C-alpha atoms as a PDB file:
ATOM      1  CA  MET A   1      23.898  14.251 -32.606  1.00  0.00           C
ATOM      2  CA  SER A   2      24.427  14.067 -28.878  1.00  0.00           C
ATOM      3  CA  ASP A   3      21.483  16.402 -28.250  1.00  0.00           C
ATOM      4  CA  GLY A   4      19.214  14.301 -30.438  1.00  0.00           C
ATOM      5  CA  SER A   5      20.413  11.084 -28.811  1.00  0.00           C
ATOM      6  CA  SER A   6      19.935  12.555 -25.369  1.00  0.00           C
ATOM      7  CA  HIS A   7      16.456  13.773 -26.252  1.00  0.00           C
ATOM      8  CA  GLY A   8      15.552  10.337 -27.640  1.00  0.00           C
ATOM      9  CA  SER A   9      16.790   8.519 -24.583  1.00  0.00           C
ATOM     10  CA  GLN A  10      14.802  10.874 -22.335  1.00  0.00           C
ATOM     11  CA  GLY A  11      11.709  10.136 -24.392  1.00  0.00           C
ATOM     12  CA  GLN A  12      12.283   6.394 -24.075  1.00  0.00           C
ATOM     13  CA  GLU A  13      12.820   6.755 -20.362  1.00  0.00           C
ATOM     14  CA  ALA A  14       9.598   8.754 -19.990  1.00  0.00           C
ATOM     15  CA  HIS A  15       7.818   6.113 -22.050  1.00  0.00           C
ATOM     16  CA  GLY A  16       9.151   3.367 -19.828  1.00  0.00           C
ATOM     17  CA  ASN A  17       8.285   5.262 -16.643  1.00  0.00           C
ATOM     18  CA  TYR A  18       4.712   5.855 -17.868  1.00  0.00           C
ATOM     19  CA  ILE A  19       4.124   2.160 -18.583  1.00  0.00           C
ATOM     20  CA  GLU A  20       5.878   1.023 -15.421  1.00  0.00           C
ATOM     21  CA  HIS A  21       3.743   3.399 -13.369  1.00  0.00           C
ATOM     22  CA  HIS A  22       0.503   2.047 -14.881  1.00  0.00           C
ATOM     23  CA  ILE A  23       1.369  -1.649 -14.477  1.00  0.00           C
ATOM     24  CA  THR A  24       2.526  -1.228 -10.865  1.00  0.00           C
ATOM     25  CA  ASN A  25      -0.086  -2.144  -8.265  1.00  0.00           C
ATOM     26  CA  TRP A  26      -1.061  -0.084  -5.246  1.00  0.00           C
ATOM     27  CA  THR A  27       0.334  -2.429  -2.603  1.00  0.00           C
ATOM     28  CA  PHE A  28      -0.003  -2.707   1.150  1.00  0.00           C
ATOM     29  CA  GLY A  29       2.807  -4.612   2.913  1.00  0.00           C
ATOM     30  CA  ASP A  30       5.883  -6.304   1.598  1.00  0.00           C
ATOM     31  CA  GLY A  31       6.924  -9.705   0.325  1.00  0.00           C
ATOM     32  CA  PHE A  32       4.655 -12.727   0.192  1.00  0.00           C
ATOM     33  CA  TRP A  33       1.992 -11.171   2.438  1.00  0.00           C
ATOM     34  CA  ALA A  34       1.678  -7.980   0.395  1.00  0.00           C
ATOM     35  CA  ILE A  35      -1.871  -7.150  -0.712  1.00  0.00           C
ATOM     36  CA  ASN A  36      -2.627  -5.397  -3.985  1.00  0.00           C
ATOM     37  CA  LEU A  37      -5.237  -2.950  -2.791  1.00  0.00           C
ATOM     38  CA  ASP A  38      -6.314  -1.880  -6.244  1.00  0.00           C
ATOM     39  CA  THR A  39      -6.913  -5.490  -7.296  1.00  0.00           C
ATOM     40  CA  MET A  40      -8.943  -6.138  -4.157  1.00  0.00           C
ATOM     41  CA  ILE A  41     -10.998  -2.974  -4.645  1.00  0.00           C
ATOM     42  CA  MET A  42     -11.793  -3.585  -8.305  1.00  0.00           C
ATOM     43  CA  SER A  43     -12.572  -7.290  -7.917  1.00  0.00           C
ATOM     44  CA  ILE A  44     -14.816  -6.714  -4.896  1.00  0.00           C
ATOM     45  CA  LEU A  45     -16.463  -3.724  -6.600  1.00  0.00           C
ATOM     46  CA  SER A  46     -17.162  -5.875  -9.698  1.00  0.00           C
ATOM     47  CA  GLY A  47     -18.724  -8.562  -7.532  1.00  0.00           C
ATOM     48  CA  LEU A  48     -20.883  -6.035  -5.655  1.00  0.00           C
ATOM     49  CA  LEU A  49     -22.059  -4.463  -8.914  1.00  0.00           C
ATOM     50  CA  ILE A  50     -23.212  -7.865 -10.150  1.00  0.00           C
ATOM     51  CA  ILE A  51     -25.090  -8.535  -6.922  1.00  0.00           C
ATOM     52  CA  LEU A  52     -26.739  -5.116  -6.963  1.00  0.00           C
ATOM     53  CA  LEU A  53     -27.680  -5.501 -10.610  1.00  0.00           C
ATOM     54  CA  GLY A  54     -29.221  -8.853  -9.869  1.00  0.00           C
ATOM     55  CA  LYS A  55     -31.203  -7.428  -6.954  1.00  0.00           C
ATOM     56  CA  TYR A  56     -32.396  -4.529  -9.130  1.00  0.00           C
ATOM     57  CA  ILE A  57     -33.524  -6.879 -11.916  1.00  0.00           C
ATOM     58  CA  GLN A  58     -35.153  -9.221  -9.422  1.00  0.00           C
ATOM     59  CA  LYS A  59     -37.302  -6.377  -8.006  1.00  0.00           C
ATOM     60  CA  GLY A  60     -38.455  -5.360 -11.489  1.00  0.00           C
ATOM     61  CA  ILE A  61     -39.252  -8.834 -12.842  1.00  0.00           C
ATOM     62  CA  THR A  62     -42.547  -8.817 -14.780  1.00  0.00           C
ATOM     63  CA  GLU A  63     -44.545 -11.513 -16.464  1.00  0.00           C
ATOM     64  CA  GLY A  64     -44.896 -11.701 -20.204  1.00  0.00           C
ATOM     65  CA  VAL A  65     -42.303 -10.377 -22.635  1.00  0.00           C
ATOM     66  CA  PRO A  66     -39.311  -9.032 -20.673  1.00  0.00           C
ATOM     67  CA  SER A  67     -37.614  -5.786 -21.594  1.00  0.00           C
ATOM     68  CA  GLY A  68     -34.413  -3.871 -20.898  1.00  0.00           C
ATOM     69  CA  LEU A  69     -32.050  -5.326 -18.294  1.00  0.00           C
ATOM     70  CA  GLN A  70     -34.355  -8.222 -17.497  1.00  0.00           C
ATOM     71  CA  ASN A  71     -34.300  -9.342 -21.101  1.00  0.00           C
ATOM     72  CA  GLY A  72     -30.500  -9.029 -21.291  1.00  0.00           C
ATOM     73  CA  MET A  73     -30.010 -11.000 -18.096  1.00  0.00           C
ATOM     74  CA  GLU A  74     -32.395 -13.707 -19.179  1.00  0.00           C
ATOM     75  CA  MET A  75     -30.466 -14.063 -22.430  1.00  0.00           C
ATOM     76  CA  ILE A  76     -27.223 -14.454 -20.497  1.00  0.00           C
ATOM     77  CA  VAL A  77     -28.773 -17.042 -18.137  1.00  0.00           C
ATOM     78  CA  GLU A  78     -30.185 -19.023 -21.033  1.00  0.00           C
ATOM     79  CA  PHE A  79     -26.787 -18.853 -22.782  1.00  0.00           C
ATOM     80  CA  VAL A  80     -25.008 -20.196 -19.684  1.00  0.00           C
ATOM     81  CA  ASN A  81     -27.646 -22.907 -19.136  1.00  0.00           C
ATOM     82  CA  LYS A  82     -27.249 -24.091 -22.729  1.00  0.00           C
ATOM     83  CA  ASN A  83     -23.523 -24.394 -22.282  1.00  0.00           C
ATOM     84  CA  VAL A  84     -24.023 -26.323 -19.072  1.00  0.00           C
ATOM     85  CA  THR A  85     -26.510 -28.661 -20.779  1.00  0.00           C
ATOM     86  CA  ASP A  86     -24.192 -29.206 -23.743  1.00  0.00           C
ATOM     87  CA  ASN A  87     -21.046 -29.859 -21.693  1.00  0.00           C
ATOM     88  CA  PHE A  88     -22.077 -31.306 -18.325  1.00  0.00           C
ATOM     89  CA  PRO A  89     -23.653 -34.742 -17.999  1.00  0.00           C
ATOM     90  CA  GLY A  90     -26.647 -35.150 -15.650  1.00  0.00           C
ATOM     91  CA  HIS A  91     -27.605 -32.441 -13.208  1.00  0.00           C
ATOM     92  CA  ASN A  92     -25.719 -30.699 -10.422  1.00  0.00           C
ATOM     93  CA  PRO A  93     -27.290 -27.618  -8.789  1.00  0.00           C
ATOM     94  CA  ILE A  94     -23.905 -25.925  -8.337  1.00  0.00           C
ATOM     95  CA  ILE A  95     -22.713 -25.979 -11.971  1.00  0.00           C
ATOM     96  CA  ALA A  96     -24.999 -23.344 -13.550  1.00  0.00           C
ATOM     97  CA  PRO A  97     -24.638 -20.759 -10.718  1.00  0.00           C
ATOM     98  CA  MET A  98     -20.896 -21.347 -10.693  1.00  0.00           C
ATOM     99  CA  ALA A  99     -20.624 -20.904 -14.475  1.00  0.00           C
ATOM    100  CA  LEU A 100     -22.840 -17.783 -14.434  1.00  0.00           C
ATOM    101  CA  THR A 101     -20.819 -16.222 -11.616  1.00  0.00           C
ATOM    102  CA  VAL A 102     -17.524 -16.910 -13.385  1.00  0.00           C
ATOM    103  CA  PHE A 103     -18.757 -15.472 -16.686  1.00  0.00           C
ATOM    104  CA  LEU A 104     -20.297 -12.273 -15.241  1.00  0.00           C
ATOM    105  CA  TRP A 105     -17.524 -11.569 -12.770  1.00  0.00           C
ATOM    106  CA  ILE A 106     -14.702 -12.021 -15.251  1.00  0.00           C
ATOM    107  CA  PHE A 107     -16.539 -10.069 -17.937  1.00  0.00           C
ATOM    108  CA  LEU A 108     -17.087  -7.098 -15.637  1.00  0.00           C
ATOM    109  CA  MET A 109     -13.494  -7.076 -14.390  1.00  0.00           C
ATOM    110  CA  ASN A 110     -12.332  -7.309 -18.020  1.00  0.00           C
ATOM    111  CA  PHE A 111     -14.698  -4.479 -19.023  1.00  0.00           C
ATOM    112  CA  PHE A 112     -12.678  -1.892 -17.089  1.00  0.00           C
ATOM    113  CA  ASP A 113      -9.908  -2.477 -19.618  1.00  0.00           C
ATOM    114  CA  ILE A 114     -11.769  -0.462 -22.275  1.00  0.00           C
ATOM    115  CA  ILE A 115     -12.164   2.569 -20.021  1.00  0.00           C
ATOM    116  CA  PRO A 116      -9.478   5.250 -20.781  1.00  0.00           C
ATOM    117  CA  VAL A 117      -6.299   4.123 -19.075  1.00  0.00           C
ATOM    118  CA  ASP A 118      -5.705   7.341 -17.132  1.00  0.00           C
ATOM    119  CA  LEU A 119      -9.298   7.968 -16.017  1.00  0.00           C
ATOM    120  CA  ILE A 120      -9.780   5.660 -12.992  1.00  0.00           C
ATOM    121  CA  PRO A 121      -6.108   5.655 -11.933  1.00  0.00           C
ATOM    122  CA  GLY A 122      -5.988   9.462 -12.151  1.00  0.00           C
ATOM    123  CA  MET A 123      -9.100   9.838  -9.971  1.00  0.00           C
ATOM    124  CA  VAL A 124      -7.889   7.386  -7.314  1.00  0.00           C
ATOM    125  CA  GLU A 125      -4.286   8.638  -7.313  1.00  0.00           C
ATOM    126  CA  SER A 126      -5.558  12.190  -6.817  1.00  0.00           C
ATOM    127  CA  LEU A 127      -6.968  10.953  -3.487  1.00  0.00           C
ATOM    128  CA  GLY A 128      -3.605   9.749  -2.342  1.00  0.00           C
ATOM    129  CA  ALA A 129      -2.959   6.304  -3.841  1.00  0.00           C
ATOM    130  CA  ASP A 130       0.599   5.708  -5.107  1.00  0.00           C
ATOM    131  CA  ASN A 131      -0.524   3.661  -8.104  1.00  0.00           C
ATOM    132  CA  PHE A 132      -3.820   2.179  -9.264  1.00  0.00           C
ATOM    133  CA  ARG A 133      -4.546  -0.556 -11.793  1.00  0.00           C
ATOM    134  CA  ALA A 134      -8.219  -0.676 -12.789  1.00  0.00           C
ATOM    135  CA  VAL A 135      -8.152  -4.081 -14.508  1.00  0.00           C
ATOM    136  CA  ALA A 136      -8.109  -6.756 -11.785  1.00  0.00           C
ATOM    137  CA  THR A 137      -7.718  -9.623 -14.311  1.00  0.00           C
ATOM    138  CA  ALA A 138      -4.476  -8.080 -15.575  1.00  0.00           C
ATOM    139  CA  ASP A 139      -3.054  -8.881 -12.125  1.00  0.00           C
ATOM    140  CA  LEU A 140      -1.908 -12.531 -12.130  1.00  0.00           C
ATOM    141  CA  ASN A 141      -3.251 -12.978  -8.590  1.00  0.00           C
ATOM    142  CA  VAL A 142      -6.918 -12.787  -9.685  1.00  0.00           C
ATOM    143  CA  PRO A 143      -6.905 -15.181 -12.677  1.00  0.00           C
ATOM    144  CA  MET A 144      -4.782 -17.713 -10.782  1.00  0.00           C
ATOM    145  CA  GLY A 145      -6.842 -17.242  -7.598  1.00  0.00           C
ATOM    146  CA  MET A 146     -10.060 -18.007  -9.483  1.00  0.00           C
ATOM    147  CA  ALA A 147      -8.379 -20.885 -11.320  1.00  0.00           C
ATOM    148  CA  ILE A 148      -7.225 -22.449  -8.054  1.00  0.00           C
ATOM    149  CA  VAL A 149     -10.715 -22.191  -6.559  1.00  0.00           C
ATOM    150  CA  VAL A 150     -12.183 -23.930  -9.644  1.00  0.00           C
ATOM    151  CA  PHE A 151      -9.408 -26.547  -9.482  1.00  0.00           C
ATOM    152  CA  GLY A 152     -10.092 -27.145  -5.790  1.00  0.00           C
ATOM    153  CA  THR A 153     -13.772 -27.622  -6.555  1.00  0.00           C
ATOM    154  CA  VAL A 154     -12.919 -30.060  -9.374  1.00  0.00           C
ATOM    155  CA  VAL A 155     -10.647 -32.147  -7.077  1.00  0.00           C
ATOM    156  CA  PHE A 156     -13.358 -32.132  -4.359  1.00  0.00           C
ATOM    157  CA  TYR A 157     -16.029 -33.437  -6.736  1.00  0.00           C
ATOM    158  CA  SER A 158     -13.606 -35.954  -8.260  1.00  0.00           C
ATOM    159  CA  LEU A 159     -13.026 -37.437  -4.821  1.00  0.00           C
ATOM    160  CA  LYS A 160     -16.718 -37.153  -3.839  1.00  0.00           C
ATOM    161  CA  VAL A 161     -18.134 -38.754  -6.968  1.00  0.00           C
ATOM    162  CA  LYS A 162     -15.417 -41.171  -8.097  1.00  0.00           C
ATOM    163  CA  GLY A 163     -13.597 -41.717  -4.770  1.00  0.00           C
ATOM    164  CA  SER A 164     -10.843 -44.326  -5.012  1.00  0.00           C
ATOM    165  CA  GLU A 165     -11.378 -44.504  -8.777  1.00  0.00           C
ATOM    166  CA  PHE A 166      -9.990 -40.995  -9.080  1.00  0.00           C
ATOM    167  CA  LEU A 167      -6.935 -41.921  -7.053  1.00  0.00           C
ATOM    168  CA  MET A 168      -6.416 -45.061  -9.102  1.00  0.00           C
ATOM    169  CA  GLU A 169      -6.264 -42.927 -12.267  1.00  0.00           C
ATOM    170  CA  PHE A 170      -2.870 -41.742 -11.013  1.00  0.00           C
ATOM    171  CA  VAL A 171      -1.687 -45.342 -10.938  1.00  0.00           C
ATOM    172  CA  THR A 172      -3.352 -47.047 -13.914  1.00  0.00           C
ATOM    173  CA  HIS A 173      -4.126 -44.340 -16.473  1.00  0.00           C
ATOM    174  CA  PRO A 174      -3.208 -44.369 -19.344  1.00  0.00           C
ATOM    175  CA  PHE A 175      -0.671 -47.241 -19.573  1.00  0.00           C
ATOM    176  CA  GLY A 176      -1.828 -49.696 -16.928  1.00  0.00           C
ATOM    177  CA  LYS A 177      -0.575 -50.417 -13.445  1.00  0.00           C
ATOM    178  CA  TRP A 178       2.828 -51.775 -14.480  1.00  0.00           C
ATOM    179  CA  LEU A 179       3.878 -48.300 -15.633  1.00  0.00           C
ATOM    180  CA  PHE A 180       2.458 -46.514 -12.599  1.00  0.00           C
ATOM    181  CA  PRO A 181       5.448 -44.085 -12.189  1.00  0.00           C
ATOM    182  CA  VAL A 182       4.907 -42.786 -15.732  1.00  0.00           C
ATOM    183  CA  ASN A 183       1.124 -42.743 -15.205  1.00  0.00           C
ATOM    184  CA  PHE A 184       1.509 -40.746 -11.980  1.00  0.00           C
ATOM    185  CA  ILE A 185       3.714 -38.112 -13.609  1.00  0.00           C
ATOM    186  CA  MET A 186       1.431 -37.765 -16.642  1.00  0.00           C
ATOM    187  CA  LYS A 187      -1.751 -37.586 -14.554  1.00  0.00           C
ATOM    188  CA  LEU A 188      -0.160 -35.033 -12.225  1.00  0.00           C
ATOM    189  CA  VAL A 189       0.837 -32.872 -15.172  1.00  0.00           C
ATOM    190  CA  GLU A 190      -2.640 -33.241 -16.652  1.00  0.00           C
ATOM    191  CA  GLU A 191      -4.310 -32.078 -13.418  1.00  0.00           C
ATOM    192  CA  LEU A 192      -1.896 -29.188 -12.791  1.00  0.00           C
ATOM    193  CA  ALA A 193      -2.410 -28.019 -16.390  1.00  0.00           C
ATOM    194  CA  LYS A 194      -6.048 -27.245 -15.571  1.00  0.00           C
ATOM    195  CA  PRO A 195      -5.502 -24.247 -13.272  1.00  0.00           C
ATOM    196  CA  LEU A 196      -2.563 -23.071 -15.325  1.00  0.00           C
ATOM    197  CA  SER A 197      -4.564 -23.106 -18.579  1.00  0.00           C
ATOM    198  CA  LEU A 198      -7.408 -21.214 -16.897  1.00  0.00           C
ATOM    199  CA  GLY A 199      -5.376 -18.587 -15.094  1.00  0.00           C
ATOM    200  CA  LEU A 200      -2.529 -17.857 -17.510  1.00  0.00           C
ATOM    201  CA  ARG A 201      -4.747 -17.593 -20.593  1.00  0.00           C
ATOM    202  CA  LEU A 202      -6.937 -14.952 -18.960  1.00  0.00           C
ATOM    203  CA  PHE A 203      -4.005 -13.051 -17.458  1.00  0.00           C
ATOM    204  CA  GLY A 204      -1.985 -13.048 -20.676  1.00  0.00           C
ATOM    205  CA  ASN A 205      -4.780 -11.656 -22.832  1.00  0.00           C
ATOM    206  CA  LEU A 206      -5.818  -8.924 -20.406  1.00  0.00           C
ATOM    207  CA  PHE A 207      -2.253  -7.882 -19.571  1.00  0.00           C
ATOM    208  CA  ALA A 208      -1.434  -7.650 -23.284  1.00  0.00           C
ATOM    209  CA  GLY A 209      -4.582  -5.574 -23.869  1.00  0.00           C
ATOM    210  CA  GLU A 210      -3.619  -3.228 -21.023  1.00  0.00           C
ATOM    211  CA  LEU A 211      -0.156  -2.733 -22.513  1.00  0.00           C
ATOM    212  CA  ILE A 212      -1.533  -1.880 -25.948  1.00  0.00           C
ATOM    213  CA  TYR A 213      -3.822   0.771 -24.486  1.00  0.00           C
ATOM    214  CA  LEU A 214      -0.867   2.226 -22.569  1.00  0.00           C
ATOM    215  CA  LEU A 215       1.208   2.364 -25.792  1.00  0.00           C
ATOM    216  CA  ILE A 216      -1.627   4.153 -27.587  1.00  0.00           C
ATOM    217  CA  ALA A 217      -2.118   6.574 -24.693  1.00  0.00           C
ATOM    218  CA  PHE A 218       1.583   7.488 -24.562  1.00  0.00           C
ATOM    219  CA  MET A 219       2.391   7.649 -28.287  1.00  0.00           C
ATOM    220  CA  VAL A 220      -0.761   9.458 -29.497  1.00  0.00           C
ATOM    221  CA  PRO A 221      -1.811  12.986 -28.384  1.00  0.00           C
ATOM    222  CA  TRP A 222      -4.733  12.898 -25.935  1.00  0.00           C
ATOM    223  CA  TRP A 223      -7.069  14.552 -28.447  1.00  0.00           C
ATOM    224  CA  LEU A 224      -6.394  11.699 -30.926  1.00  0.00           C
ATOM    225  CA  HIS A 225      -6.678   8.844 -28.475  1.00  0.00           C
ATOM    226  CA  TRP A 226     -10.056   7.858 -29.864  1.00  0.00           C
ATOM    227  CA  VAL A 227      -8.536   7.499 -33.340  1.00  0.00           C
ATOM    228  CA  GLY A 228      -5.920   5.008 -32.174  1.00  0.00           C
ATOM    229  CA  GLY A 229      -7.972   3.471 -29.394  1.00  0.00           C
ATOM    230  CA  LEU A 230     -11.316   2.951 -31.126  1.00  0.00           C
ATOM    231  CA  PRO A 231     -10.246   0.151 -33.539  1.00  0.00           C
ATOM    232  CA  TRP A 232      -8.462  -1.673 -30.714  1.00  0.00           C
ATOM    233  CA  THR A 233     -11.463  -1.170 -28.399  1.00  0.00           C
ATOM    234  CA  ILE A 234     -13.827  -2.681 -30.969  1.00  0.00           C
ATOM    235  CA  PHE A 235     -11.547  -5.727 -31.230  1.00  0.00           C
ATOM    236  CA  HIS A 236     -10.860  -5.852 -27.507  1.00  0.00           C
ATOM    237  CA  VAL A 237     -14.584  -5.992 -26.658  1.00  0.00           C
ATOM    238  CA  LEU A 238     -14.581  -9.358 -28.408  1.00  0.00           C
ATOM    239  CA  VAL A 239     -11.488 -10.386 -26.442  1.00  0.00           C
ATOM    240  CA  ILE A 240     -12.969  -9.574 -23.020  1.00  0.00           C
ATOM    241  CA  VAL A 241     -16.177 -11.446 -23.827  1.00  0.00           C
ATOM    242  CA  LEU A 242     -14.296 -14.368 -25.316  1.00  0.00           C
ATOM    243  CA  GLN A 243     -11.979 -14.730 -22.317  1.00  0.00           C
ATOM    244  CA  ALA A 244     -14.927 -14.753 -19.912  1.00  0.00           C
ATOM    245  CA  PHE A 245     -16.626 -17.341 -22.142  1.00  0.00           C
ATOM    246  CA  ILE A 246     -13.539 -19.585 -22.369  1.00  0.00           C
ATOM    247  CA  PHE A 247     -12.984 -19.540 -18.592  1.00  0.00           C
ATOM    248  CA  MET A 248     -16.675 -20.420 -18.090  1.00  0.00           C
ATOM    249  CA  VAL A 249     -16.674 -23.278 -20.599  1.00  0.00           C
ATOM    250  CA  LEU A 250     -13.447 -24.770 -19.286  1.00  0.00           C
ATOM    251  CA  THR A 251     -14.864 -24.610 -15.772  1.00  0.00           C
ATOM    252  CA  ILE A 252     -17.902 -26.586 -16.931  1.00  0.00           C
ATOM    253  CA  VAL A 253     -15.774 -29.066 -18.852  1.00  0.00           C
ATOM    254  CA  TYR A 254     -13.386 -29.651 -15.916  1.00  0.00           C
ATOM    255  CA  MET A 255     -16.353 -30.181 -13.585  1.00  0.00           C
ATOM    256  CA  ALA A 256     -17.798 -32.654 -16.123  1.00  0.00           C
ATOM    257  CA  MET A 257     -14.476 -34.521 -16.115  1.00  0.00           C
ATOM    258  CA  ALA A 258     -14.662 -34.667 -12.325  1.00  0.00           C
ATOM    259  CA  VAL A 259     -17.906 -36.651 -12.362  1.00  0.00           C
ATOM    260  CA  THR A 260     -17.217 -38.763 -15.463  1.00  0.00           C
ATOM    261  CA  SER A 261     -15.279 -42.005 -15.420  1.00  0.00           C
ATOM    262  CA  GLU A 262     -12.116 -42.223 -17.536  1.00  0.00           C
ATOM    263  CA  HIS A 263     -13.048 -45.677 -18.687  1.00  0.00           C
END
């Protein structure tokens, strides 16, 4: 019994060490100023790939019926423009490019989650890295960083378009000026909920997806990974697209709220 118990505990320890290793970032520095190098590399790489893809498609643009990558990109642009038209009143030249950037960037960072969990980390760690996480959106810093940038833009446009009316919402909305302490607290919570809802939703879904892949990779022999991983991958493709879509739509909606009067 003791041998079996010891063997089982060793297996659990190995399991825990495997998962811990894969969810630990490659970090430079300590404390608050530490930088997750793997997150920086993958997020910047994703952004560069989008820019290069755009440049490539731009050079090959042809008149008439588009084909290949041009057709796919045009479908994405039309899809984003339709969501902007449906959710944003009037016209603002920053909204569609912002929404398109958010959608493509998040989708590509999410996409690395369906690549075999040991492939990219194994390649980078063989070059000397201590750890490497390939999914930047599974690191809380990226979703919250993007959410804070969106929130800052929302506040900027709220002040630019509505001015003092936006500040008065903290005093008079929703119960009138005589209950301004309650109004202030409720409005503050409402505003702070915007970046939290954006960032934590994206982080939670991608971190959970990463953990499931790690469980499959550890519990199933490598030559059967496709059996356990394929059904989850098919489902997870929907998740990574949906999370990019939700972040994009909420960005448009929050920007619409910034330029629309409460009353």
